[in-house]
């Protein structure tokens, strides 16, 4: 304790995971971010549920790409006229005529396992990915927070769509299969964490 607050010592200083450590999900994209993971201890190892952001690599003169998921879970790209956009925020395009926002990239979640919490285990041939689904996740899913209650791990996360950012929830008992429970708090709400006791 220091003056009524708790001071934490940093245990190590190296980066656990970089965008270059992860493969893009599909051709025509590249990973530009691996960040904001939810973390849980599970079966003698640490599990990170990492937000992975990918951007479109194709370029077209006079246009900028904004990816989104169709209802059938197929990625599509909207090409926005660059002359109509405010580019001052590196995360979003803002349409100057009406202030409408579109993300420059799309995010999904990826399970990364580690024995020591410092070194990720190799993926092998099987990556466990959680992709955006449905109209309330059309621009991606972000920022998972994990709470264990009993033997179930509840994951709150952010669904991003044309309606704004909503807090959603899913659950798992094995970090291989996940059940979605839908929206907890409608737009605009994010960064919700469940209290870990009943």
N, C-alpha and C. Protein backbone atom coordinates (compact mmCIF):
# COMPACT_ATOMS: atom_id res chain seq x y z
N UNK A 1 0.84 -1.19 0.00
CA UNK A 1 0.00 0.00 0.00
C UNK A 1 0.88 1.25 0.00
N UNK A 2 0.41 2.24 -0.72
CA UNK A 2 1.15 3.49 -0.81
C UNK A 2 0.13 4.62 -0.79
N UNK A 3 0.04 5.29 0.34
CA UNK A 3 -0.89 6.41 0.45
C UNK A 3 -2.33 6.01 0.22
N UNK A 4 -2.71 4.81 0.67
CA UNK A 4 -4.09 4.37 0.51
C UNK A 4 -4.37 3.66 -0.80
N UNK A 5 -3.40 3.60 -1.72
CA UNK A 5 -3.62 2.89 -2.97
C UNK A 5 -2.66 1.70 -3.06
N UNK A 6 -3.02 0.74 -3.87
CA UNK A 6 -2.20 -0.46 -4.03
C UNK A 6 -1.27 -0.26 -5.23
N UNK A 7 0.02 -0.52 -5.03
CA UNK A 7 0.99 -0.42 -6.13
C UNK A 7 1.28 -1.83 -6.62
N UNK A 8 1.29 -2.03 -7.92
CA UNK A 8 1.57 -3.33 -8.51
C UNK A 8 2.94 -3.29 -9.17
N UNK A 9 3.71 -4.34 -8.95
CA UNK A 9 5.00 -4.45 -9.62
C UNK A 9 4.81 -5.21 -10.93
N UNK A 10 5.41 -4.68 -11.98
CA UNK A 10 5.36 -5.36 -13.26
C UNK A 10 6.27 -6.57 -13.20
N UNK A 11 5.75 -7.74 -13.58
CA UNK A 11 6.50 -8.98 -13.46
C UNK A 11 7.48 -9.15 -14.62
N UNK A 12 7.07 -8.76 -15.81
CA UNK A 12 7.96 -8.85 -16.96
C UNK A 12 7.58 -7.74 -17.93
N UNK A 13 8.45 -7.45 -18.86
CA UNK A 13 8.25 -6.28 -19.71
C UNK A 13 8.14 -6.59 -21.19
N UNK A 14 8.29 -7.85 -21.60
CA UNK A 14 8.22 -8.10 -23.04
C UNK A 14 6.77 -8.25 -23.50
N UNK A 15 6.57 -8.05 -24.78
CA UNK A 15 5.24 -8.14 -25.39
C UNK A 15 4.88 -9.62 -25.57
N UNK A 16 3.69 -10.01 -25.14
CA UNK A 16 3.27 -11.41 -25.23
C UNK A 16 2.87 -11.76 -26.66
N UNK A 17 2.20 -10.84 -27.35
CA UNK A 17 1.64 -11.15 -28.66
C UNK A 17 1.65 -9.89 -29.51
N UNK A 18 2.08 -10.04 -30.77
CA UNK A 18 2.09 -8.92 -31.72
C UNK A 18 1.21 -9.27 -32.92
N UNK A 19 0.74 -8.28 -33.66
CA UNK A 19 -0.06 -8.59 -34.85
C UNK A 19 0.65 -9.55 -35.81
N UNK A 20 1.96 -9.41 -35.95
CA UNK A 20 2.71 -10.28 -36.85
C UNK A 20 2.76 -11.73 -36.41
N UNK A 21 2.38 -12.00 -35.16
CA UNK A 21 2.35 -13.38 -34.66
C UNK A 21 1.10 -14.14 -35.11
N UNK A 22 0.11 -13.43 -35.64
CA UNK A 22 -1.17 -14.03 -36.00
C UNK A 22 -1.38 -13.99 -37.50
N UNK A 23 -1.97 -15.04 -38.04
CA UNK A 23 -2.30 -15.11 -39.46
C UNK A 23 -3.65 -14.46 -39.70
N UNK A 24 -3.81 -13.75 -40.82
CA UNK A 24 -5.14 -13.22 -41.13
C UNK A 24 -6.12 -14.36 -41.37
N UNK A 25 -7.39 -14.09 -41.14
CA UNK A 25 -8.43 -15.11 -41.31
C UNK A 25 -8.65 -15.42 -42.78
N UNK A 26 -8.52 -14.42 -43.63
CA UNK A 26 -8.85 -14.61 -45.05
C UNK A 26 -7.85 -13.89 -45.94
N UNK A 27 -7.80 -14.30 -47.19
CA UNK A 27 -6.96 -13.62 -48.17
C UNK A 27 -7.46 -12.19 -48.36
N UNK A 28 -6.54 -11.29 -48.64
CA UNK A 28 -6.93 -9.91 -48.90
C UNK A 28 -7.02 -9.05 -47.66
N UNK A 29 -6.62 -9.60 -46.49
CA UNK A 29 -6.59 -8.81 -45.27
C UNK A 29 -5.24 -9.00 -44.59
N UNK A 30 -4.92 -8.10 -43.69
CA UNK A 30 -3.73 -8.26 -42.85
C UNK A 30 -4.08 -7.87 -41.43
N UNK A 31 -3.42 -8.54 -40.48
CA UNK A 31 -3.66 -8.26 -39.07
C UNK A 31 -2.94 -6.97 -38.69
N UNK A 32 -3.69 -6.01 -38.15
CA UNK A 32 -3.11 -4.72 -37.75
C UNK A 32 -3.17 -4.51 -36.24
N UNK A 33 -3.86 -5.41 -35.53
CA UNK A 33 -3.94 -5.26 -34.08
C UNK A 33 -4.23 -6.58 -33.40
N UNK A 34 -3.57 -6.80 -32.26
CA UNK A 34 -3.85 -7.94 -31.37
C UNK A 34 -3.79 -7.36 -29.97
N UNK A 35 -4.96 -7.13 -29.35
CA UNK A 35 -4.97 -6.34 -28.12
C UNK A 35 -6.24 -6.59 -27.31
N UNK A 36 -6.33 -5.94 -26.16
CA UNK A 36 -7.50 -5.97 -25.27
C UNK A 36 -8.01 -7.37 -24.98
N UNK A 37 -7.13 -8.30 -24.57
CA UNK A 37 -7.63 -9.67 -24.33
C UNK A 37 -8.37 -9.80 -23.01
N UNK A 38 -9.34 -10.71 -23.01
CA UNK A 38 -9.86 -11.23 -21.76
C UNK A 38 -8.96 -12.39 -21.36
N UNK A 39 -8.75 -12.60 -20.06
CA UNK A 39 -7.81 -13.63 -19.60
C UNK A 39 -8.49 -14.47 -18.53
N UNK A 40 -8.28 -15.79 -18.61
CA UNK A 40 -8.83 -16.70 -17.60
C UNK A 40 -7.86 -17.84 -17.37
N UNK A 41 -7.84 -18.34 -16.15
CA UNK A 41 -7.09 -19.56 -15.84
C UNK A 41 -8.03 -20.73 -16.11
N UNK A 42 -7.56 -21.70 -16.92
CA UNK A 42 -8.40 -22.83 -17.31
C UNK A 42 -7.54 -24.08 -17.47
N UNK A 43 -7.83 -25.09 -16.68
CA UNK A 43 -7.16 -26.38 -16.82
C UNK A 43 -5.65 -26.32 -16.74
N UNK A 44 -5.11 -25.56 -15.81
CA UNK A 44 -3.66 -25.51 -15.64
C UNK A 44 -2.94 -24.60 -16.63
N UNK A 45 -3.67 -23.85 -17.43
CA UNK A 45 -3.03 -22.90 -18.34
C UNK A 45 -3.80 -21.59 -18.31
N UNK A 46 -3.21 -20.59 -18.93
CA UNK A 46 -3.90 -19.31 -19.09
C UNK A 46 -4.46 -19.25 -20.50
N UNK A 47 -5.68 -18.77 -20.59
CA UNK A 47 -6.32 -18.60 -21.89
C UNK A 47 -6.53 -17.11 -22.11
N UNK A 48 -6.06 -16.63 -23.25
CA UNK A 48 -6.31 -15.25 -23.65
C UNK A 48 -7.32 -15.27 -24.78
N UNK A 49 -8.35 -14.46 -24.65
CA UNK A 49 -9.31 -14.27 -25.72
C UNK A 49 -9.00 -12.90 -26.31
N UNK A 50 -8.28 -12.91 -27.42
CA UNK A 50 -7.65 -11.70 -27.97
C UNK A 50 -8.53 -11.08 -29.04
N UNK A 51 -8.67 -9.77 -28.98
CA UNK A 51 -9.29 -9.04 -30.08
C UNK A 51 -8.26 -8.92 -31.20
N UNK A 52 -8.61 -9.39 -32.38
CA UNK A 52 -7.73 -9.34 -33.55
C UNK A 52 -8.38 -8.45 -34.60
N UNK A 53 -7.71 -7.38 -34.98
CA UNK A 53 -8.24 -6.44 -35.97
C UNK A 53 -7.54 -6.67 -37.31
N UNK A 54 -8.33 -6.74 -38.38
CA UNK A 54 -7.78 -6.93 -39.72
C UNK A 54 -8.28 -5.81 -40.63
N UNK A 55 -7.39 -5.40 -41.55
CA UNK A 55 -7.78 -4.40 -42.53
C UNK A 55 -7.67 -4.98 -43.93
N UNK A 56 -8.38 -4.37 -44.85
CA UNK A 56 -8.36 -4.78 -46.25
C UNK A 56 -7.06 -4.27 -46.88
N UNK A 57 -6.37 -5.12 -47.64
CA UNK A 57 -5.10 -4.72 -48.24
C UNK A 57 -5.27 -4.09 -49.62
N UNK A 58 -6.38 -4.38 -50.31
CA UNK A 58 -6.59 -3.81 -51.64
C UNK A 58 -6.75 -2.30 -51.55
N UNK A 59 -6.26 -1.60 -52.57
CA UNK A 59 -6.41 -0.15 -52.64
C UNK A 59 -7.06 0.24 -53.96
N UNK A 60 -7.93 1.24 -53.92
CA UNK A 60 -8.58 1.78 -55.12
C UNK A 60 -8.46 3.29 -55.08
N UNK A 61 -8.04 3.87 -56.19
CA UNK A 61 -7.85 5.32 -56.26
C UNK A 61 -9.16 6.05 -55.98
N UNK A 62 -9.12 7.00 -55.04
CA UNK A 62 -10.28 7.81 -54.71
C UNK A 62 -11.25 7.17 -53.76
N UNK A 63 -10.96 5.95 -53.28
CA UNK A 63 -11.87 5.25 -52.37
C UNK A 63 -11.09 4.61 -51.23
N UNK A 64 -11.79 4.41 -50.12
CA UNK A 64 -11.19 3.74 -48.97
C UNK A 64 -12.08 2.57 -48.54
N UNK A 65 -11.47 1.45 -48.13
CA UNK A 65 -12.27 0.26 -47.82
C UNK A 65 -12.77 0.24 -46.37
N UNK A 66 -14.02 -0.17 -46.21
CA UNK A 66 -14.57 -0.39 -44.87
C UNK A 66 -15.24 -1.76 -44.87
N UNK A 67 -14.66 -2.74 -44.15
CA UNK A 67 -15.20 -4.10 -44.17
C UNK A 67 -16.39 -4.26 -43.23
N UNK A 68 -17.27 -5.20 -43.58
CA UNK A 68 -18.38 -5.56 -42.71
C UNK A 68 -18.81 -6.99 -43.05
N UNK A 69 -19.51 -7.60 -42.08
CA UNK A 69 -20.01 -8.96 -42.27
C UNK A 69 -21.45 -8.91 -42.75
N UNK A 70 -21.75 -9.70 -43.78
CA UNK A 70 -23.13 -9.87 -44.23
C UNK A 70 -23.86 -10.79 -43.25
N UNK A 71 -25.19 -10.81 -43.25
CA UNK A 71 -25.93 -11.70 -42.35
C UNK A 71 -25.55 -13.18 -42.51
N UNK A 72 -25.07 -13.57 -43.70
CA UNK A 72 -24.68 -14.97 -43.91
C UNK A 72 -23.22 -15.22 -43.51
N UNK A 73 -22.64 -14.29 -42.73
CA UNK A 73 -21.26 -14.38 -42.21
C UNK A 73 -20.21 -14.33 -43.32
N UNK A 74 -20.52 -13.65 -44.41
CA UNK A 74 -19.58 -13.45 -45.50
C UNK A 74 -19.04 -12.02 -45.41
N UNK A 75 -17.71 -11.88 -45.52
CA UNK A 75 -17.11 -10.55 -45.45
C UNK A 75 -17.36 -9.81 -46.76
N UNK A 76 -17.79 -8.57 -46.65
CA UNK A 76 -17.91 -7.71 -47.82
C UNK A 76 -17.20 -6.41 -47.52
N UNK A 77 -16.86 -5.66 -48.57
CA UNK A 77 -16.15 -4.40 -48.40
C UNK A 77 -16.96 -3.30 -49.05
N UNK A 78 -17.23 -2.25 -48.29
CA UNK A 78 -17.86 -1.05 -48.84
C UNK A 78 -16.74 -0.08 -49.20
N UNK A 79 -16.73 0.40 -50.44
CA UNK A 79 -15.70 1.34 -50.89
C UNK A 79 -16.28 2.75 -50.78
N UNK A 80 -15.73 3.54 -49.86
CA UNK A 80 -16.25 4.86 -49.55
C UNK A 80 -15.45 5.93 -50.27
N UNK A 81 -16.12 6.88 -50.92
CA UNK A 81 -15.38 7.96 -51.62
C UNK A 81 -14.54 8.76 -50.62
N UNK A 82 -13.24 8.79 -50.83
CA UNK A 82 -12.34 9.42 -49.86
C UNK A 82 -12.57 10.92 -49.74
N UNK A 83 -13.08 11.56 -50.79
CA UNK A 83 -13.30 13.01 -50.72
C UNK A 83 -14.41 13.37 -49.74
N UNK A 84 -15.27 12.40 -49.39
CA UNK A 84 -16.38 12.65 -48.47
C UNK A 84 -16.05 12.32 -47.02
N UNK A 85 -14.78 11.97 -46.74
CA UNK A 85 -14.45 11.44 -45.42
C UNK A 85 -13.46 12.29 -44.65
N UNK A 86 -13.69 12.39 -43.36
CA UNK A 86 -12.73 12.98 -42.43
C UNK A 86 -11.85 11.84 -41.93
N UNK A 87 -10.53 11.96 -42.14
CA UNK A 87 -9.59 10.88 -41.81
C UNK A 87 -8.75 11.19 -40.58
N UNK A 88 -9.21 12.12 -39.74
CA UNK A 88 -8.39 12.56 -38.62
C UNK A 88 -8.26 11.50 -37.52
N UNK A 89 -9.22 10.57 -37.43
CA UNK A 89 -9.15 9.48 -36.45
C UNK A 89 -8.62 8.24 -37.15
N UNK A 90 -7.51 7.66 -36.69
CA UNK A 90 -6.93 6.50 -37.38
C UNK A 90 -7.78 5.24 -37.28
N UNK A 91 -8.82 5.24 -36.43
CA UNK A 91 -9.65 4.04 -36.27
C UNK A 91 -10.88 4.05 -37.15
N UNK A 92 -11.39 5.23 -37.49
CA UNK A 92 -12.67 5.32 -38.20
C UNK A 92 -12.59 6.32 -39.34
N UNK A 93 -13.51 6.14 -40.29
CA UNK A 93 -13.80 7.15 -41.29
C UNK A 93 -15.07 7.85 -40.84
N UNK A 94 -15.08 9.18 -40.91
CA UNK A 94 -16.28 9.95 -40.57
C UNK A 94 -16.77 10.63 -41.83
N UNK A 95 -18.02 10.34 -42.22
CA UNK A 95 -18.60 10.97 -43.40
C UNK A 95 -18.89 12.43 -43.06
N UNK A 96 -18.31 13.33 -43.83
CA UNK A 96 -18.39 14.76 -43.50
C UNK A 96 -19.80 15.32 -43.63
N UNK A 97 -20.63 14.75 -44.49
CA UNK A 97 -21.96 15.32 -44.71
C UNK A 97 -22.91 15.08 -43.53
N UNK A 98 -22.73 13.95 -42.81
CA UNK A 98 -23.69 13.64 -41.74
C UNK A 98 -23.05 13.09 -40.46
N UNK A 99 -21.71 12.97 -40.43
CA UNK A 99 -21.04 12.49 -39.23
C UNK A 99 -21.10 10.99 -39.02
N UNK A 100 -21.64 10.25 -40.00
CA UNK A 100 -21.75 8.78 -39.89
C UNK A 100 -20.34 8.18 -39.81
N UNK A 101 -20.16 7.22 -38.88
CA UNK A 101 -18.85 6.59 -38.67
C UNK A 101 -18.81 5.20 -39.28
N UNK A 102 -17.65 4.85 -39.85
CA UNK A 102 -17.38 3.48 -40.29
C UNK A 102 -15.97 3.11 -39.86
N UNK A 103 -15.80 1.89 -39.38
CA UNK A 103 -14.48 1.42 -38.97
C UNK A 103 -13.58 1.16 -40.17
N UNK A 104 -12.29 1.36 -39.97
CA UNK A 104 -11.31 1.08 -41.02
C UNK A 104 -10.94 -0.40 -41.07
N UNK A 105 -11.30 -1.15 -40.04
CA UNK A 105 -10.95 -2.57 -39.97
C UNK A 105 -12.10 -3.33 -39.33
N UNK A 106 -12.01 -4.65 -39.30
CA UNK A 106 -13.02 -5.48 -38.66
C UNK A 106 -12.32 -6.40 -37.67
N UNK A 107 -12.94 -6.61 -36.51
CA UNK A 107 -12.32 -7.41 -35.45
C UNK A 107 -13.10 -8.69 -35.19
N UNK A 108 -12.35 -9.72 -34.82
CA UNK A 108 -12.91 -10.97 -34.32
C UNK A 108 -12.13 -11.34 -33.06
N UNK A 109 -12.50 -12.43 -32.42
CA UNK A 109 -11.79 -12.88 -31.23
C UNK A 109 -11.08 -14.19 -31.53
N UNK A 110 -9.89 -14.36 -30.95
CA UNK A 110 -9.12 -15.58 -31.13
C UNK A 110 -8.63 -16.09 -29.78
N UNK A 111 -8.78 -17.40 -29.56
CA UNK A 111 -8.29 -18.04 -28.35
C UNK A 111 -6.78 -18.28 -28.49
N UNK A 112 -6.02 -17.80 -27.51
CA UNK A 112 -4.57 -18.05 -27.45
C UNK A 112 -4.29 -18.66 -26.08
N UNK A 113 -3.61 -19.80 -26.07
CA UNK A 113 -3.33 -20.51 -24.82
C UNK A 113 -1.86 -20.33 -24.45
N UNK A 114 -1.58 -20.35 -23.15
CA UNK A 114 -0.21 -20.20 -22.66
C UNK A 114 -0.06 -20.97 -21.34
N UNK A 115 1.05 -21.67 -21.20
CA UNK A 115 1.31 -22.38 -19.95
C UNK A 115 1.79 -21.42 -18.85
N UNK A 116 2.58 -20.43 -19.25
CA UNK A 116 3.20 -19.55 -18.25
C UNK A 116 2.67 -18.13 -18.27
N UNK A 117 1.77 -17.80 -19.19
CA UNK A 117 1.23 -16.45 -19.27
C UNK A 117 2.16 -15.48 -19.98
N UNK A 118 3.28 -15.97 -20.48
CA UNK A 118 4.24 -15.11 -21.17
C UNK A 118 4.49 -15.56 -22.61
N UNK A 119 4.36 -16.86 -22.84
CA UNK A 119 4.69 -17.42 -24.15
C UNK A 119 3.46 -18.10 -24.73
N UNK A 120 2.93 -17.62 -25.84
CA UNK A 120 1.75 -18.27 -26.44
C UNK A 120 2.12 -19.64 -27.00
N UNK A 121 1.18 -20.58 -26.85
CA UNK A 121 1.36 -21.89 -27.47
C UNK A 121 1.13 -21.75 -28.97
N UNK A 122 1.85 -22.54 -29.78
CA UNK A 122 1.60 -22.49 -31.22
C UNK A 122 0.18 -22.95 -31.55
N UNK A 123 -0.42 -22.36 -32.60
CA UNK A 123 -1.78 -22.70 -33.00
C UNK A 123 -1.90 -24.10 -33.56
N UNK A 124 -0.85 -24.56 -34.24
CA UNK A 124 -0.99 -25.81 -34.99
C UNK A 124 -1.94 -25.58 -36.16
N UNK A 125 -2.68 -26.61 -36.51
CA UNK A 125 -3.59 -26.49 -37.66
C UNK A 125 -4.97 -25.96 -37.26
N UNK A 126 -5.25 -25.95 -35.97
CA UNK A 126 -6.59 -25.59 -35.52
C UNK A 126 -6.56 -24.29 -34.73
N UNK A 127 -7.06 -23.23 -35.32
CA UNK A 127 -7.24 -21.99 -34.58
C UNK A 127 -8.67 -21.92 -34.10
N UNK A 128 -8.86 -21.45 -32.88
CA UNK A 128 -10.22 -21.26 -32.36
C UNK A 128 -10.56 -19.79 -32.52
N UNK A 129 -11.44 -19.50 -33.47
CA UNK A 129 -11.83 -18.14 -33.80
C UNK A 129 -13.31 -17.94 -33.49
N UNK A 130 -13.63 -16.76 -33.02
CA UNK A 130 -15.02 -16.36 -32.85
C UNK A 130 -15.24 -15.18 -33.79
N UNK A 131 -16.07 -15.41 -34.81
CA UNK A 131 -16.28 -14.41 -35.84
C UNK A 131 -17.57 -13.63 -35.56
N UNK A 132 -17.66 -12.39 -36.08
CA UNK A 132 -18.90 -11.63 -35.93
C UNK A 132 -20.07 -12.36 -36.59
N UNK A 133 -21.25 -12.24 -35.98
CA UNK A 133 -22.47 -12.86 -36.50
C UNK A 133 -23.64 -11.89 -36.35
N UNK A 134 -24.49 -11.82 -37.34
CA UNK A 134 -25.74 -11.08 -37.24
C UNK A 134 -25.58 -9.58 -37.39
N UNK A 135 -26.73 -8.91 -37.46
CA UNK A 135 -26.72 -7.48 -37.79
C UNK A 135 -26.10 -6.61 -36.71
N UNK A 136 -26.12 -7.05 -35.44
CA UNK A 136 -25.57 -6.21 -34.38
C UNK A 136 -24.06 -6.40 -34.21
N UNK A 137 -23.46 -7.25 -35.03
CA UNK A 137 -22.01 -7.45 -35.01
C UNK A 137 -21.42 -7.23 -36.41
N UNK A 138 -22.14 -6.57 -37.29
CA UNK A 138 -21.72 -6.47 -38.68
C UNK A 138 -20.37 -5.77 -38.87
N UNK A 139 -20.00 -4.88 -37.97
CA UNK A 139 -18.70 -4.20 -38.09
C UNK A 139 -17.64 -4.85 -37.20
N UNK A 140 -17.99 -5.92 -36.50
CA UNK A 140 -16.99 -6.65 -35.73
C UNK A 140 -17.37 -6.84 -34.28
N UNK A 141 -16.55 -7.65 -33.59
CA UNK A 141 -16.71 -7.88 -32.16
C UNK A 141 -15.38 -7.55 -31.48
N UNK A 142 -15.48 -7.03 -30.25
CA UNK A 142 -14.31 -6.44 -29.62
C UNK A 142 -14.31 -6.67 -28.11
N UNK A 143 -13.13 -6.54 -27.53
CA UNK A 143 -12.90 -6.28 -26.11
C UNK A 143 -13.61 -7.23 -25.15
N UNK A 144 -13.26 -8.53 -25.18
CA UNK A 144 -13.91 -9.49 -24.28
C UNK A 144 -13.46 -9.34 -22.83
N UNK A 145 -14.38 -9.59 -21.91
CA UNK A 145 -14.09 -9.63 -20.47
C UNK A 145 -14.63 -10.96 -19.95
N UNK A 146 -13.85 -11.72 -19.20
CA UNK A 146 -14.22 -13.08 -18.82
C UNK A 146 -14.45 -13.18 -17.31
N UNK A 147 -15.57 -13.78 -16.91
CA UNK A 147 -15.88 -14.04 -15.50
C UNK A 147 -16.28 -15.50 -15.35
N UNK A 148 -15.63 -16.20 -14.44
CA UNK A 148 -16.00 -17.59 -14.16
C UNK A 148 -17.02 -17.62 -13.02
N UNK A 149 -18.14 -18.31 -13.25
CA UNK A 149 -19.13 -18.57 -12.22
C UNK A 149 -19.43 -20.06 -12.28
N UNK A 150 -19.08 -20.79 -11.23
CA UNK A 150 -19.18 -22.24 -11.26
C UNK A 150 -18.16 -22.78 -12.25
N UNK A 151 -18.60 -23.64 -13.16
CA UNK A 151 -17.72 -24.20 -14.18
C UNK A 151 -17.92 -23.52 -15.54
N UNK A 152 -18.68 -22.43 -15.54
CA UNK A 152 -18.96 -21.73 -16.79
C UNK A 152 -18.23 -20.40 -16.81
N UNK A 153 -17.65 -20.09 -17.96
CA UNK A 153 -16.96 -18.82 -18.18
C UNK A 153 -17.88 -17.94 -19.03
N UNK A 154 -18.30 -16.82 -18.43
CA UNK A 154 -19.17 -15.87 -19.11
C UNK A 154 -18.31 -14.76 -19.71
N UNK A 155 -18.55 -14.46 -20.96
CA UNK A 155 -17.72 -13.49 -21.68
C UNK A 155 -18.62 -12.35 -22.14
N UNK A 156 -18.38 -11.17 -21.62
CA UNK A 156 -19.05 -9.99 -22.14
C UNK A 156 -18.13 -9.41 -23.21
N UNK A 157 -18.72 -8.89 -24.28
CA UNK A 157 -17.93 -8.33 -25.37
C UNK A 157 -18.76 -7.26 -26.07
N UNK A 158 -18.14 -6.55 -26.98
CA UNK A 158 -18.79 -5.44 -27.67
C UNK A 158 -19.12 -5.87 -29.10
N UNK A 159 -20.38 -5.73 -29.47
CA UNK A 159 -20.80 -5.90 -30.85
C UNK A 159 -20.93 -4.52 -31.48
N UNK A 160 -20.34 -4.35 -32.67
CA UNK A 160 -20.34 -3.05 -33.34
C UNK A 160 -21.14 -3.16 -34.64
N UNK A 161 -22.04 -2.20 -34.84
CA UNK A 161 -22.87 -2.22 -36.05
C UNK A 161 -23.29 -0.79 -36.39
N UNK A 162 -24.10 -0.68 -37.42
CA UNK A 162 -24.61 0.64 -37.83
C UNK A 162 -25.46 1.26 -36.72
N UNK A 163 -25.91 0.44 -35.75
CA UNK A 163 -26.73 0.93 -34.65
C UNK A 163 -25.90 1.46 -33.48
N UNK A 164 -24.58 1.24 -33.52
CA UNK A 164 -23.69 1.67 -32.45
C UNK A 164 -22.99 0.49 -31.81
N UNK A 165 -22.50 0.68 -30.58
CA UNK A 165 -21.79 -0.38 -29.87
C UNK A 165 -22.67 -0.89 -28.73
N UNK A 166 -22.86 -2.21 -28.72
CA UNK A 166 -23.72 -2.85 -27.72
C UNK A 166 -22.91 -3.86 -26.92
N UNK A 167 -23.28 -4.06 -25.66
CA UNK A 167 -22.66 -5.09 -24.84
C UNK A 167 -23.41 -6.40 -25.05
N UNK A 168 -22.66 -7.43 -25.45
CA UNK A 168 -23.23 -8.75 -25.71
C UNK A 168 -22.60 -9.75 -24.74
N UNK A 169 -23.17 -10.97 -24.70
CA UNK A 169 -22.60 -11.99 -23.83
C UNK A 169 -22.61 -13.34 -24.52
N UNK A 170 -21.55 -14.12 -24.25
CA UNK A 170 -21.49 -15.52 -24.64
C UNK A 170 -20.91 -16.30 -23.48
N UNK A 171 -20.96 -17.63 -23.57
CA UNK A 171 -20.40 -18.45 -22.50
C UNK A 171 -19.71 -19.68 -23.09
N UNK A 172 -18.84 -20.26 -22.28
CA UNK A 172 -18.13 -21.48 -22.67
C UNK A 172 -17.77 -22.27 -21.41
N UNK A 173 -17.58 -23.55 -21.59
CA UNK A 173 -17.04 -24.38 -20.50
C UNK A 173 -15.70 -24.98 -20.88
N UNK A 174 -15.27 -24.77 -22.14
CA UNK A 174 -14.03 -25.42 -22.61
C UNK A 174 -13.13 -24.54 -23.48
N UNK A 175 -13.56 -23.32 -23.83
CA UNK A 175 -12.83 -22.42 -24.71
C UNK A 175 -12.59 -23.03 -26.09
N UNK A 176 -13.46 -23.96 -26.46
CA UNK A 176 -13.47 -24.50 -27.82
C UNK A 176 -14.80 -24.22 -28.51
N UNK A 177 -15.87 -24.29 -27.73
CA UNK A 177 -17.20 -23.98 -28.25
C UNK A 177 -17.80 -22.86 -27.40
N UNK A 178 -18.56 -21.99 -28.06
CA UNK A 178 -19.10 -20.81 -27.40
C UNK A 178 -20.57 -20.66 -27.74
N UNK A 179 -21.37 -20.29 -26.73
CA UNK A 179 -22.80 -20.08 -26.93
C UNK A 179 -23.09 -18.59 -26.76
N UNK A 180 -23.68 -18.00 -27.77
CA UNK A 180 -24.06 -16.59 -27.67
C UNK A 180 -25.38 -16.45 -26.92
N UNK A 181 -25.47 -15.40 -26.09
CA UNK A 181 -26.68 -15.12 -25.32
C UNK A 181 -27.32 -13.80 -25.75
N UNK A 182 -26.73 -13.11 -26.71
CA UNK A 182 -27.33 -11.89 -27.24
C UNK A 182 -26.89 -10.62 -26.52
N UNK A 183 -27.65 -9.56 -26.77
CA UNK A 183 -27.32 -8.23 -26.25
C UNK A 183 -27.76 -8.11 -24.80
N UNK A 184 -26.85 -7.62 -23.95
CA UNK A 184 -27.16 -7.33 -22.55
C UNK A 184 -27.59 -5.88 -22.37
N UNK A 185 -26.82 -4.98 -23.00
CA UNK A 185 -27.10 -3.55 -22.93
C UNK A 185 -27.04 -2.98 -24.33
N UNK A 186 -28.11 -2.29 -24.72
CA UNK A 186 -28.22 -1.79 -26.09
C UNK A 186 -27.25 -0.63 -26.32
N UNK A 187 -27.06 -0.23 -27.58
CA UNK A 187 -26.14 0.89 -27.88
C UNK A 187 -26.59 2.16 -27.18
N UNK A 188 -25.65 2.99 -26.79
CA UNK A 188 -24.20 2.78 -26.80
C UNK A 188 -23.73 2.40 -25.40
N UNK A 189 -23.30 1.15 -25.25
CA UNK A 189 -22.74 0.64 -24.00
C UNK A 189 -21.61 -0.32 -24.32
N UNK A 190 -20.54 -0.26 -23.52
CA UNK A 190 -19.42 -1.17 -23.74
C UNK A 190 -18.62 -1.34 -22.45
N UNK A 191 -17.68 -2.30 -22.50
CA UNK A 191 -16.73 -2.53 -21.41
C UNK A 191 -17.43 -2.91 -20.10
N UNK A 192 -18.36 -3.87 -20.20
CA UNK A 192 -19.09 -4.37 -19.04
C UNK A 192 -18.40 -5.63 -18.53
N UNK A 193 -18.27 -5.74 -17.22
CA UNK A 193 -17.67 -6.92 -16.59
C UNK A 193 -18.64 -7.44 -15.56
N UNK A 194 -18.89 -8.76 -15.58
CA UNK A 194 -19.77 -9.37 -14.58
C UNK A 194 -19.01 -9.52 -13.27
N UNK A 195 -19.71 -9.29 -12.16
CA UNK A 195 -19.12 -9.49 -10.84
C UNK A 195 -18.92 -10.99 -10.64
N UNK A 196 -17.77 -11.44 -10.13
CA UNK A 196 -17.45 -12.87 -10.14
C UNK A 196 -18.11 -13.71 -9.05
N UNK A 197 -18.97 -13.14 -8.24
CA UNK A 197 -19.70 -13.91 -7.23
C UNK A 197 -21.19 -13.69 -7.40
N UNK A 198 -21.96 -14.73 -7.07
CA UNK A 198 -23.41 -14.58 -7.14
C UNK A 198 -23.90 -13.65 -6.04
